[in-house]
Amino acid sequence: MSKTQLNVVSKSSVSKVAILALAIIFAAGLFVVGFDQGHIFSIVSGEPAFTDVYIHELTHDMRHAAGFPCH
């Protein structure tokens, strides 16, 4: 009788590049939701973006739910 042995090698580790990419996306999202006061749109529209604060208004309730004070 012969035995057949099956060796299964599982490599389920996540690459460091993927972890770095997700960390950058997380940091950018945290900035947009928690701290943006017109900085994102000021690149395109200049000074009026700081008074209009569109992203602030879009993420207003999410800011409060996450514990960020905004006014």
N, C-alpha and C. Protein backbone atom coordinates (compact mmCIF):
# COMPACT_ATOMS: atom_id res chain seq x y z
N MET A 1 0.83 -1.17 0.00
CA MET A 1 0.00 0.00 0.00
C MET A 1 0.88 1.24 0.00
N SER A 2 0.59 2.14 -0.86
CA SER A 2 1.36 3.39 -0.88
C SER A 2 0.47 4.53 -0.41
N LYS A 3 1.10 5.44 0.29
CA LYS A 3 0.37 6.61 0.79
C LYS A 3 0.76 7.83 -0.05
N THR A 4 -0.22 8.62 -0.40
CA THR A 4 0.04 9.88 -1.10
C THR A 4 -0.20 11.00 -0.11
N GLN A 5 0.80 11.81 0.05
CA GLN A 5 0.68 12.91 1.01
C GLN A 5 0.57 14.21 0.21
N LEU A 6 -0.42 15.00 0.54
CA LEU A 6 -0.66 16.26 -0.13
C LEU A 6 -0.24 17.40 0.79
N ASN A 7 0.70 18.18 0.34
CA ASN A 7 1.15 19.34 1.12
C ASN A 7 0.54 20.59 0.51
N VAL A 8 -0.22 21.29 1.30
CA VAL A 8 -0.86 22.53 0.85
C VAL A 8 -0.17 23.68 1.56
N VAL A 9 0.36 24.59 0.77
CA VAL A 9 1.02 25.77 1.33
C VAL A 9 0.11 26.96 1.04
N SER A 10 -0.33 27.59 2.07
CA SER A 10 -1.21 28.74 1.93
C SER A 10 -0.46 30.02 2.26
N LYS A 11 -0.47 30.91 1.32
CA LYS A 11 0.17 32.20 1.55
C LYS A 11 -0.94 33.25 1.53
N SER A 12 -1.39 33.60 2.69
CA SER A 12 -2.50 34.54 2.77
C SER A 12 -2.07 35.88 3.37
N SER A 13 -0.81 36.16 3.31
CA SER A 13 -0.36 37.42 3.87
C SER A 13 -0.68 38.56 2.91
N VAL A 14 -0.99 39.71 3.48
CA VAL A 14 -1.31 40.89 2.70
C VAL A 14 -0.02 41.65 2.44
N SER A 15 0.14 42.12 1.22
CA SER A 15 1.38 42.81 0.88
C SER A 15 1.48 44.15 1.59
N LYS A 16 2.69 44.59 1.79
CA LYS A 16 2.92 45.86 2.47
C LYS A 16 2.45 47.04 1.63
N VAL A 17 2.49 46.88 0.32
CA VAL A 17 2.02 47.94 -0.57
C VAL A 17 0.51 48.14 -0.40
N ALA A 18 -0.24 47.04 -0.27
CA ALA A 18 -1.68 47.14 -0.08
C ALA A 18 -2.02 47.80 1.25
N ILE A 19 -1.27 47.45 2.29
CA ILE A 19 -1.50 48.06 3.60
C ILE A 19 -1.19 49.56 3.55
N LEU A 20 -0.11 49.93 2.88
CA LEU A 20 0.24 51.34 2.74
C LEU A 20 -0.81 52.10 1.95
N ALA A 21 -1.32 51.50 0.87
CA ALA A 21 -2.36 52.15 0.07
C ALA A 21 -3.62 52.36 0.89
N LEU A 22 -4.03 51.37 1.65
CA LEU A 22 -5.22 51.52 2.49
C LEU A 22 -5.02 52.55 3.59
N ALA A 23 -3.81 52.63 4.15
CA ALA A 23 -3.53 53.64 5.17
C ALA A 23 -3.61 55.04 4.59
N ILE A 24 -3.14 55.23 3.37
CA ILE A 24 -3.22 56.54 2.73
C ILE A 24 -4.67 56.91 2.43
N ILE A 25 -5.45 55.95 1.94
CA ILE A 25 -6.87 56.21 1.69
C ILE A 25 -7.59 56.53 2.99
N PHE A 26 -7.29 55.81 4.05
CA PHE A 26 -7.91 56.08 5.36
C PHE A 26 -7.56 57.48 5.85
N ALA A 27 -6.28 57.87 5.74
CA ALA A 27 -5.86 59.19 6.21
C ALA A 27 -6.52 60.30 5.39
N ALA A 28 -6.62 60.11 4.10
CA ALA A 28 -7.28 61.12 3.26
C ALA A 28 -8.76 61.22 3.61
N GLY A 29 -9.42 60.10 3.82
CA GLY A 29 -10.83 60.12 4.21
C GLY A 29 -11.05 60.76 5.57
N LEU A 30 -10.16 60.48 6.49
CA LEU A 30 -10.25 61.10 7.82
C LEU A 30 -10.10 62.60 7.73
N PHE A 31 -9.18 63.07 6.89
CA PHE A 31 -9.01 64.51 6.70
C PHE A 31 -10.26 65.13 6.11
N VAL A 32 -10.81 64.50 5.07
CA VAL A 32 -11.99 65.07 4.41
C VAL A 32 -13.17 65.13 5.36
N VAL A 33 -13.41 64.05 6.10
CA VAL A 33 -14.58 64.03 6.99
C VAL A 33 -14.35 64.88 8.23
N GLY A 34 -13.18 64.84 8.80
CA GLY A 34 -12.98 65.47 10.09
C GLY A 34 -12.42 66.87 10.09
N PHE A 35 -11.62 67.22 9.10
CA PHE A 35 -10.89 68.47 9.22
C PHE A 35 -11.04 69.43 8.05
N ASP A 36 -11.62 69.01 6.95
CA ASP A 36 -11.68 69.88 5.77
C ASP A 36 -12.61 71.06 6.01
N GLN A 37 -12.09 72.25 5.79
CA GLN A 37 -12.88 73.48 5.89
C GLN A 37 -12.75 74.28 4.59
N GLY A 38 -12.78 73.59 3.47
CA GLY A 38 -12.65 74.24 2.18
C GLY A 38 -11.31 74.01 1.52
N HIS A 39 -10.44 73.25 2.15
CA HIS A 39 -9.10 73.05 1.61
C HIS A 39 -9.10 72.27 0.30
N ILE A 40 -9.97 71.29 0.17
CA ILE A 40 -9.99 70.47 -1.05
C ILE A 40 -10.42 71.30 -2.25
N PHE A 41 -11.52 72.04 -2.13
CA PHE A 41 -12.02 72.82 -3.25
C PHE A 41 -11.23 74.11 -3.46
N SER A 42 -10.42 74.52 -2.50
CA SER A 42 -9.65 75.75 -2.70
C SER A 42 -8.58 75.56 -3.76
N ILE A 43 -8.21 74.33 -4.04
CA ILE A 43 -7.26 74.06 -5.11
C ILE A 43 -7.84 74.50 -6.46
N VAL A 44 -9.15 74.31 -6.62
CA VAL A 44 -9.81 74.63 -7.88
C VAL A 44 -10.40 76.04 -7.87
N SER A 45 -11.14 76.39 -6.83
CA SER A 45 -11.89 77.65 -6.86
C SER A 45 -11.26 78.78 -6.05
N GLY A 46 -10.20 78.51 -5.33
CA GLY A 46 -9.50 79.57 -4.60
C GLY A 46 -10.16 79.94 -3.29
N GLU A 47 -10.10 81.22 -2.96
CA GLU A 47 -10.55 81.74 -1.66
C GLU A 47 -12.03 81.52 -1.37
N PRO A 48 -12.95 81.59 -2.34
CA PRO A 48 -14.37 81.38 -2.01
C PRO A 48 -14.67 80.00 -1.42
N ALA A 49 -13.82 79.04 -1.64
CA ALA A 49 -14.06 77.69 -1.10
C ALA A 49 -14.04 77.69 0.42
N PHE A 50 -13.32 78.60 1.03
CA PHE A 50 -13.25 78.64 2.50
C PHE A 50 -14.53 79.20 3.11
N THR A 51 -15.31 79.95 2.36
CA THR A 51 -16.59 80.45 2.88
C THR A 51 -17.75 79.52 2.50
N ASP A 52 -17.62 78.82 1.37
CA ASP A 52 -18.71 77.93 0.92
C ASP A 52 -18.70 76.60 1.65
N VAL A 53 -17.55 76.06 1.96
CA VAL A 53 -17.33 74.78 2.66
C VAL A 53 -18.33 73.68 2.26
N TYR A 54 -18.32 73.32 0.98
CA TYR A 54 -19.25 72.31 0.46
C TYR A 54 -19.04 70.94 1.11
N ILE A 55 -17.80 70.51 1.21
CA ILE A 55 -17.56 69.18 1.80
C ILE A 55 -17.95 69.16 3.27
N HIS A 56 -17.74 70.27 3.97
CA HIS A 56 -18.16 70.35 5.36
C HIS A 56 -19.67 70.15 5.47
N GLU A 57 -20.41 70.78 4.59
CA GLU A 57 -21.87 70.65 4.63
C GLU A 57 -22.32 69.25 4.24
N LEU A 58 -21.61 68.60 3.32
CA LEU A 58 -21.98 67.25 2.92
C LEU A 58 -21.69 66.23 4.01
N THR A 59 -20.65 66.46 4.78
CA THR A 59 -20.25 65.49 5.81
C THR A 59 -20.58 65.97 7.22
N HIS A 60 -21.43 66.95 7.33
CA HIS A 60 -21.72 67.58 8.63
C HIS A 60 -22.22 66.58 9.68
N ASP A 61 -23.24 65.81 9.35
CA ASP A 61 -23.80 64.87 10.32
C ASP A 61 -22.82 63.75 10.64
N MET A 62 -22.05 63.33 9.64
CA MET A 62 -21.06 62.29 9.88
C MET A 62 -19.97 62.79 10.83
N ARG A 63 -19.64 64.07 10.73
CA ARG A 63 -18.65 64.65 11.66
C ARG A 63 -19.13 64.54 13.09
N HIS A 64 -20.36 64.93 13.32
CA HIS A 64 -20.89 64.86 14.68
C HIS A 64 -21.00 63.43 15.17
N ALA A 65 -21.39 62.52 14.30
CA ALA A 65 -21.51 61.12 14.69
C ALA A 65 -20.14 60.53 15.04
N ALA A 66 -19.08 61.00 14.37
CA ALA A 66 -17.74 60.52 14.64
C ALA A 66 -17.07 61.25 15.80
N GLY A 67 -17.71 62.29 16.31
CA GLY A 67 -17.17 62.98 17.47
C GLY A 67 -16.30 64.19 17.15
N PHE A 68 -16.33 64.65 15.89
CA PHE A 68 -15.57 65.85 15.54
C PHE A 68 -16.43 67.08 15.80
N PRO A 69 -15.95 68.00 16.60
CA PRO A 69 -16.69 69.26 16.74
C PRO A 69 -16.44 70.13 15.51
N CYS A 70 -17.44 70.80 15.02
CA CYS A 70 -17.22 71.61 13.82
C CYS A 70 -17.81 73.00 13.93
N HIS A 71 -18.48 73.33 15.03
CA HIS A 71 -18.93 74.73 15.22
C HIS A 71 -19.22 74.96 16.66
